[in-house]
């Protein structure tokens, strides 16, 4: 069960951070605020919006580390929240709903994005981490 929680937390955090800089954010933010909120939804919504603003600013400045930091922060919080089985069910529902709204990435499709320059000599090894939802 612990491995499933870790995987769900990673998938959830990845989706959350991806959605923060996407047109669906206004629809998804209240759902995540409620997921984390437990009576403090307004406070959590503010924290989520602060993270979003940091990500937008970082993207404008070419800072890719901000997304990794935000994802790690929200993944830790999700792991704690997922101790409650109802939270896991609600999170999975959000992830499933979002996946259904992305027809441009149908099941079995692959989306690769490469940035920067690299010079490679010798053998090339390509590795991927695949989670339930790829943004």
N, C-alpha and C. Protein backbone atom coordinates (compact mmCIF):
# COMPACT_ATOMS: atom_id res chain seq x y z
N UNK A 1 0.82 -1.20 0.00
CA UNK A 1 0.00 0.00 0.00
C UNK A 1 0.86 1.26 0.00
N UNK A 2 1.96 1.24 0.72
CA UNK A 2 2.84 2.41 0.79
C UNK A 2 3.35 2.80 -0.59
N UNK A 3 3.72 1.82 -1.40
CA UNK A 3 4.22 2.12 -2.76
C UNK A 3 3.12 2.79 -3.59
N UNK A 4 1.88 2.37 -3.42
CA UNK A 4 0.78 2.98 -4.15
C UNK A 4 0.58 4.43 -3.74
N UNK A 5 0.72 4.70 -2.46
CA UNK A 5 0.58 6.07 -1.97
C UNK A 5 1.70 6.95 -2.51
N UNK A 6 2.91 6.42 -2.51
CA UNK A 6 4.06 7.16 -3.04
C UNK A 6 3.82 7.47 -4.52
N UNK A 7 3.37 6.49 -5.28
CA UNK A 7 3.11 6.68 -6.71
C UNK A 7 1.99 7.69 -6.94
N UNK A 8 0.91 7.58 -6.17
CA UNK A 8 -0.21 8.50 -6.32
C UNK A 8 0.21 9.92 -5.94
N UNK A 9 1.01 10.06 -4.89
CA UNK A 9 1.49 11.38 -4.48
C UNK A 9 2.37 11.99 -5.57
N UNK A 10 3.24 11.19 -6.16
CA UNK A 10 4.10 11.68 -7.23
C UNK A 10 3.28 12.09 -8.45
N UNK A 11 2.32 11.27 -8.83
CA UNK A 11 1.45 11.59 -9.97
C UNK A 11 0.62 12.84 -9.69
N UNK A 12 0.10 12.91 -8.48
CA UNK A 12 -0.72 14.06 -8.11
C UNK A 12 0.07 15.35 -8.10
N UNK A 13 1.28 15.31 -7.56
CA UNK A 13 2.11 16.51 -7.51
C UNK A 13 2.53 16.94 -8.91
N UNK A 14 2.86 15.97 -9.75
CA UNK A 14 3.23 16.27 -11.13
C UNK A 14 2.06 16.93 -11.86
N UNK A 15 0.87 16.36 -11.70
CA UNK A 15 -0.31 16.93 -12.34
C UNK A 15 -0.61 18.31 -11.79
N UNK A 16 -0.53 18.47 -10.48
CA UNK A 16 -0.82 19.75 -9.84
C UNK A 16 0.08 20.84 -10.39
N UNK A 17 1.38 20.59 -10.41
CA UNK A 17 2.33 21.60 -10.89
C UNK A 17 2.09 21.89 -12.38
N UNK A 18 1.81 20.87 -13.15
CA UNK A 18 1.52 21.08 -14.56
C UNK A 18 0.26 21.89 -14.78
N UNK A 19 -0.74 21.64 -13.98
CA UNK A 19 -2.01 22.35 -14.11
C UNK A 19 -1.90 23.80 -13.66
N UNK A 20 -0.95 24.09 -12.80
CA UNK A 20 -0.80 25.46 -12.31
C UNK A 20 -0.48 26.44 -13.43
N UNK A 21 0.16 25.97 -14.48
CA UNK A 21 0.55 26.85 -15.58
C UNK A 21 -0.23 26.51 -16.85
N UNK A 22 -1.44 26.08 -16.67
CA UNK A 22 -2.27 25.60 -17.78
C UNK A 22 -3.63 26.27 -17.67
N UNK A 23 -4.35 26.32 -18.77
CA UNK A 23 -5.65 27.00 -18.79
C UNK A 23 -6.69 26.34 -17.90
N UNK A 24 -6.49 25.12 -17.48
CA UNK A 24 -7.45 24.43 -16.61
C UNK A 24 -7.30 24.81 -15.14
N UNK A 25 -6.31 25.62 -14.82
CA UNK A 25 -6.01 25.91 -13.42
C UNK A 25 -7.20 26.48 -12.66
N UNK A 26 -7.92 27.40 -13.24
CA UNK A 26 -9.04 28.02 -12.51
C UNK A 26 -10.11 26.99 -12.14
N UNK A 27 -10.25 25.94 -12.92
CA UNK A 27 -11.23 24.89 -12.62
C UNK A 27 -10.69 23.90 -11.59
N UNK A 28 -9.39 23.67 -11.60
CA UNK A 28 -8.81 22.63 -10.75
C UNK A 28 -8.38 23.15 -9.38
N UNK A 29 -8.02 24.42 -9.31
CA UNK A 29 -7.52 24.98 -8.03
C UNK A 29 -8.50 24.76 -6.87
N UNK A 30 -9.79 25.03 -7.02
CA UNK A 30 -10.69 24.80 -5.89
C UNK A 30 -10.74 23.34 -5.45
N UNK A 31 -10.58 22.43 -6.40
CA UNK A 31 -10.61 21.01 -6.06
C UNK A 31 -9.39 20.62 -5.24
N UNK A 32 -8.22 21.13 -5.62
CA UNK A 32 -7.03 20.85 -4.83
C UNK A 32 -7.07 21.56 -3.49
N UNK A 33 -7.61 22.77 -3.45
CA UNK A 33 -7.75 23.48 -2.18
C UNK A 33 -8.64 22.70 -1.22
N UNK A 34 -9.71 22.14 -1.74
CA UNK A 34 -10.60 21.33 -0.90
C UNK A 34 -9.92 20.04 -0.47
N UNK A 35 -9.12 19.48 -1.36
CA UNK A 35 -8.41 18.24 -1.05
C UNK A 35 -7.46 18.43 0.13
N UNK A 36 -6.73 19.54 0.11
CA UNK A 36 -5.77 19.83 1.17
C UNK A 36 -6.38 20.58 2.34
N UNK A 37 -7.46 21.31 2.09
CA UNK A 37 -7.98 22.31 3.00
C UNK A 37 -8.40 21.87 4.37
N UNK A 38 -9.28 20.91 4.44
CA UNK A 38 -9.83 20.45 5.73
C UNK A 38 -10.27 21.63 6.59
N UNK A 39 -11.12 22.46 6.00
CA UNK A 39 -11.62 23.62 6.73
C UNK A 39 -10.82 24.88 6.50
N UNK A 40 -9.69 24.78 5.84
CA UNK A 40 -8.87 25.97 5.56
C UNK A 40 -8.65 26.14 4.06
N UNK A 41 -9.70 25.90 3.31
CA UNK A 41 -9.59 25.93 1.86
C UNK A 41 -9.07 27.26 1.33
N UNK A 42 -9.51 28.37 1.93
CA UNK A 42 -9.06 29.69 1.46
C UNK A 42 -7.56 29.85 1.65
N UNK A 43 -7.04 29.38 2.78
CA UNK A 43 -5.60 29.48 3.03
C UNK A 43 -4.82 28.63 2.04
N UNK A 44 -5.29 27.42 1.79
CA UNK A 44 -4.61 26.52 0.86
C UNK A 44 -4.70 27.08 -0.57
N UNK A 45 -5.84 27.64 -0.93
CA UNK A 45 -5.98 28.23 -2.27
C UNK A 45 -4.97 29.36 -2.45
N UNK A 46 -4.73 30.12 -1.40
CA UNK A 46 -3.74 31.20 -1.46
C UNK A 46 -2.33 30.62 -1.63
N UNK A 47 -2.02 29.56 -0.90
CA UNK A 47 -0.71 28.91 -1.04
C UNK A 47 -0.52 28.36 -2.45
N UNK A 48 -1.56 27.74 -2.98
CA UNK A 48 -1.51 27.20 -4.34
C UNK A 48 -1.27 28.32 -5.34
N UNK A 49 -1.96 29.44 -5.15
CA UNK A 49 -1.80 30.57 -6.07
C UNK A 49 -0.41 31.17 -5.97
N UNK A 50 0.15 31.23 -4.77
CA UNK A 50 1.52 31.72 -4.60
C UNK A 50 2.51 30.83 -5.36
N UNK A 51 2.31 29.52 -5.24
CA UNK A 51 3.18 28.59 -5.96
C UNK A 51 3.03 28.81 -7.46
N UNK A 52 1.81 28.99 -7.92
CA UNK A 52 1.57 29.22 -9.34
C UNK A 52 2.29 30.48 -9.82
N UNK A 53 2.19 31.55 -9.06
CA UNK A 53 2.85 32.80 -9.43
C UNK A 53 4.37 32.61 -9.50
N UNK A 54 4.92 31.86 -8.56
CA UNK A 54 6.36 31.57 -8.57
C UNK A 54 6.74 30.78 -9.83
N UNK A 55 5.90 29.82 -10.20
CA UNK A 55 6.18 29.01 -11.39
C UNK A 55 6.11 29.84 -12.67
N UNK A 56 5.13 30.71 -12.76
CA UNK A 56 5.01 31.57 -13.94
C UNK A 56 6.22 32.49 -14.05
N UNK A 57 6.60 33.09 -12.94
CA UNK A 57 7.77 33.98 -12.93
C UNK A 57 9.05 33.21 -13.27
N UNK A 58 9.19 32.04 -12.71
CA UNK A 58 10.38 31.22 -12.99
C UNK A 58 10.44 30.83 -14.46
N UNK A 59 9.29 30.48 -15.03
CA UNK A 59 9.26 30.11 -16.45
C UNK A 59 9.67 31.29 -17.32
N UNK A 60 9.23 32.47 -16.96
CA UNK A 60 9.59 33.67 -17.71
C UNK A 60 11.10 33.94 -17.64
N UNK A 61 11.72 33.52 -16.53
CA UNK A 61 13.15 33.73 -16.33
C UNK A 61 13.99 32.51 -16.72
N UNK A 62 13.33 31.48 -17.25
CA UNK A 62 14.04 30.28 -17.67
C UNK A 62 14.54 29.41 -16.53
N UNK A 63 13.95 29.54 -15.35
CA UNK A 63 14.35 28.77 -14.17
C UNK A 63 13.54 27.48 -14.10
N UNK A 64 14.15 26.38 -14.53
CA UNK A 64 13.46 25.09 -14.53
C UNK A 64 13.44 24.43 -13.16
N UNK A 65 14.29 24.87 -12.25
CA UNK A 65 14.35 24.24 -10.93
C UNK A 65 13.12 24.57 -10.08
N UNK A 66 12.44 25.66 -10.38
CA UNK A 66 11.28 26.03 -9.59
C UNK A 66 10.18 24.97 -9.66
N UNK A 67 9.98 24.41 -10.84
CA UNK A 67 8.94 23.37 -10.98
C UNK A 67 9.31 22.14 -10.17
N UNK A 68 10.59 21.77 -10.19
CA UNK A 68 11.00 20.59 -9.40
C UNK A 68 10.80 20.85 -7.91
N UNK A 69 11.13 22.04 -7.46
CA UNK A 69 10.95 22.39 -6.04
C UNK A 69 9.48 22.39 -5.65
N UNK A 70 8.65 22.98 -6.50
CA UNK A 70 7.21 23.02 -6.21
C UNK A 70 6.63 21.62 -6.19
N UNK A 71 7.05 20.81 -7.14
CA UNK A 71 6.54 19.44 -7.19
C UNK A 71 6.94 18.67 -5.93
N UNK A 72 8.18 18.82 -5.49
CA UNK A 72 8.63 18.12 -4.28
C UNK A 72 7.84 18.58 -3.06
N UNK A 73 7.60 19.89 -2.96
CA UNK A 73 6.85 20.43 -1.82
C UNK A 73 5.43 19.87 -1.77
N UNK A 74 4.73 19.90 -2.90
CA UNK A 74 3.35 19.43 -2.90
C UNK A 74 3.27 17.91 -2.83
N UNK A 75 4.29 17.22 -3.29
CA UNK A 75 4.31 15.76 -3.16
C UNK A 75 4.40 15.37 -1.68
N UNK A 76 5.24 16.07 -0.92
CA UNK A 76 5.33 15.79 0.53
C UNK A 76 3.97 16.01 1.19
N UNK A 77 3.32 17.10 0.83
CA UNK A 77 2.02 17.39 1.43
C UNK A 77 0.98 16.35 1.02
N UNK A 78 1.05 15.91 -0.23
CA UNK A 78 0.11 14.87 -0.66
C UNK A 78 0.33 13.57 0.08
N UNK A 79 1.58 13.21 0.29
CA UNK A 79 1.85 11.95 1.02
C UNK A 79 1.20 11.99 2.39
N UNK A 80 1.31 13.13 3.06
CA UNK A 80 0.67 13.24 4.38
C UNK A 80 -0.85 13.16 4.26
N UNK A 81 -1.40 13.87 3.29
CA UNK A 81 -2.86 13.90 3.12
C UNK A 81 -3.40 12.53 2.72
N UNK A 82 -2.60 11.77 1.97
CA UNK A 82 -3.07 10.47 1.46
C UNK A 82 -3.15 9.39 2.53
N UNK A 83 -2.80 9.71 3.73
CA UNK A 83 -3.01 8.76 4.83
C UNK A 83 -4.51 8.50 5.02
N UNK A 84 -5.31 9.46 4.58
CA UNK A 84 -6.76 9.33 4.62
C UNK A 84 -7.22 8.71 3.30
N UNK A 85 -7.80 7.52 3.33
CA UNK A 85 -8.22 6.86 2.09
C UNK A 85 -9.21 7.68 1.25
N UNK A 86 -10.01 8.52 1.89
CA UNK A 86 -10.94 9.36 1.14
C UNK A 86 -10.19 10.38 0.29
N UNK A 87 -9.06 10.87 0.80
CA UNK A 87 -8.25 11.82 0.04
C UNK A 87 -7.69 11.13 -1.20
N UNK A 88 -7.26 9.90 -1.04
CA UNK A 88 -6.73 9.15 -2.18
C UNK A 88 -7.80 8.98 -3.26
N UNK A 89 -9.00 8.67 -2.86
CA UNK A 89 -10.10 8.51 -3.81
C UNK A 89 -10.40 9.83 -4.52
N UNK A 90 -10.41 10.92 -3.77
CA UNK A 90 -10.69 12.24 -4.37
C UNK A 90 -9.57 12.66 -5.31
N UNK A 91 -8.32 12.42 -4.91
CA UNK A 91 -7.20 12.77 -5.78
C UNK A 91 -7.25 11.97 -7.07
N UNK A 92 -7.51 10.67 -6.97
CA UNK A 92 -7.59 9.85 -8.16
C UNK A 92 -8.71 10.34 -9.07
N UNK A 93 -9.80 10.79 -8.49
CA UNK A 93 -10.89 11.35 -9.28
C UNK A 93 -10.48 12.59 -10.05
N UNK A 94 -9.70 13.46 -9.40
CA UNK A 94 -9.20 14.66 -10.08
C UNK A 94 -8.28 14.27 -11.22
N UNK A 95 -7.38 13.33 -10.96
CA UNK A 95 -6.44 12.90 -12.00
C UNK A 95 -7.18 12.26 -13.17
N UNK A 96 -8.16 11.42 -12.88
CA UNK A 96 -8.93 10.76 -13.93
C UNK A 96 -9.71 11.79 -14.75
N UNK A 97 -10.32 12.74 -14.07
CA UNK A 97 -11.09 13.76 -14.77
C UNK A 97 -10.19 14.60 -15.67
N UNK A 98 -9.03 14.97 -15.17
CA UNK A 98 -8.12 15.78 -15.99
C UNK A 98 -7.64 14.98 -17.19
N UNK A 99 -7.33 13.73 -17.01
CA UNK A 99 -6.85 12.90 -18.12
C UNK A 99 -7.90 12.81 -19.21
N UNK A 100 -9.17 12.78 -18.83
CA UNK A 100 -10.26 12.69 -19.80
C UNK A 100 -10.40 13.99 -20.59
N UNK A 101 -9.94 15.09 -20.06
CA UNK A 101 -10.07 16.39 -20.72
C UNK A 101 -8.90 16.69 -21.65
N UNK A 102 -8.02 15.71 -21.87
CA UNK A 102 -6.86 15.94 -22.71
C UNK A 102 -6.88 15.04 -23.93
N UNK A 103 -7.80 15.27 -24.87
CA UNK A 103 -7.90 14.39 -26.02
C UNK A 103 -6.67 14.45 -26.91
N UNK A 104 -5.91 15.55 -26.87
CA UNK A 104 -4.73 15.65 -27.72
C UNK A 104 -3.63 14.69 -27.29
N UNK A 105 -3.75 14.13 -26.09
CA UNK A 105 -2.79 13.13 -25.65
C UNK A 105 -3.56 11.85 -25.32
N UNK A 106 -4.02 11.21 -26.33
CA UNK A 106 -4.80 9.99 -26.16
C UNK A 106 -3.94 8.89 -25.58
N UNK A 107 -4.59 7.87 -25.07
CA UNK A 107 -3.87 6.73 -24.51
C UNK A 107 -2.91 6.17 -25.53
N UNK A 108 -1.71 5.93 -25.10
CA UNK A 108 -0.70 5.38 -25.98
C UNK A 108 0.12 6.42 -26.72
N UNK A 109 -0.25 7.68 -26.61
CA UNK A 109 0.52 8.71 -27.31
C UNK A 109 1.73 9.10 -26.47
N UNK A 110 2.69 9.69 -27.12
CA UNK A 110 3.91 10.10 -26.45
C UNK A 110 4.15 11.56 -26.75
N UNK A 111 4.53 12.31 -25.75
CA UNK A 111 4.87 13.72 -25.92
C UNK A 111 6.27 13.91 -25.36
N UNK A 112 7.20 14.34 -26.19
CA UNK A 112 8.56 14.61 -25.75
C UNK A 112 8.84 16.09 -25.95
N UNK A 113 9.54 16.67 -25.01
CA UNK A 113 9.96 18.05 -25.15
C UNK A 113 11.43 18.11 -24.76
N UNK A 114 12.24 18.63 -25.66
CA UNK A 114 13.67 18.70 -25.43
C UNK A 114 14.08 20.15 -25.54
N UNK A 115 14.84 20.61 -24.57
CA UNK A 115 15.33 21.99 -24.63
C UNK A 115 16.80 22.00 -24.25
N UNK A 116 17.48 23.02 -24.67
CA UNK A 116 18.90 23.14 -24.36
C UNK A 116 19.74 22.46 -25.42
N UNK A 117 21.04 22.53 -25.24
CA UNK A 117 21.97 21.94 -26.19
C UNK A 117 22.84 20.92 -25.46
N UNK A 118 23.20 19.89 -26.19
CA UNK A 118 24.07 18.87 -25.61
C UNK A 118 24.92 18.27 -26.73
N UNK A 119 26.15 17.95 -26.39
CA UNK A 119 27.02 17.27 -27.32
C UNK A 119 27.27 15.88 -26.74
N UNK A 120 26.98 14.88 -27.52
CA UNK A 120 27.09 13.51 -27.02
C UNK A 120 28.12 12.77 -27.85
N UNK A 121 29.01 12.09 -27.17
CA UNK A 121 29.98 11.22 -27.83
C UNK A 121 29.82 9.83 -27.24
N UNK A 122 29.94 8.83 -28.06
CA UNK A 122 29.81 7.46 -27.56
C UNK A 122 28.36 7.03 -27.55
N UNK A 123 28.01 6.18 -26.60
CA UNK A 123 26.66 5.62 -26.52
C UNK A 123 25.70 6.63 -25.91
N UNK A 124 24.48 6.61 -26.38
CA UNK A 124 23.43 7.46 -25.84
C UNK A 124 22.44 6.58 -25.11
N UNK A 125 22.10 6.96 -23.90
CA UNK A 125 21.12 6.23 -23.12
C UNK A 125 19.99 7.19 -22.82
N UNK A 126 18.79 6.79 -23.13
CA UNK A 126 17.64 7.62 -22.86
C UNK A 126 16.82 6.94 -21.78
N UNK A 127 16.51 7.68 -20.71
CA UNK A 127 15.75 7.12 -19.62
C UNK A 127 14.52 7.99 -19.37
N UNK A 128 13.44 7.36 -18.94
CA UNK A 128 12.20 8.07 -18.68
C UNK A 128 11.64 7.62 -17.34
N UNK A 129 11.02 8.54 -16.65
CA UNK A 129 10.22 8.19 -15.51
C UNK A 129 8.78 8.37 -15.94
N UNK A 130 8.01 7.33 -15.84
CA UNK A 130 6.63 7.40 -16.29
C UNK A 130 5.73 7.26 -15.08
N UNK A 131 4.85 8.24 -14.93
CA UNK A 131 3.87 8.21 -13.87
C UNK A 131 2.51 8.08 -14.52
N UNK A 132 1.51 7.97 -13.72
CA UNK A 132 0.15 7.80 -14.24
C UNK A 132 -0.29 8.93 -15.15
N UNK A 133 0.26 10.11 -14.99
CA UNK A 133 -0.15 11.25 -15.79
C UNK A 133 1.09 12.01 -16.19
N UNK A 134 1.25 12.26 -17.45
CA UNK A 134 2.43 12.96 -17.97
C UNK A 134 2.01 14.30 -18.49
N UNK A 135 2.61 15.35 -17.97
CA UNK A 135 2.26 16.70 -18.42
C UNK A 135 3.40 17.32 -19.17
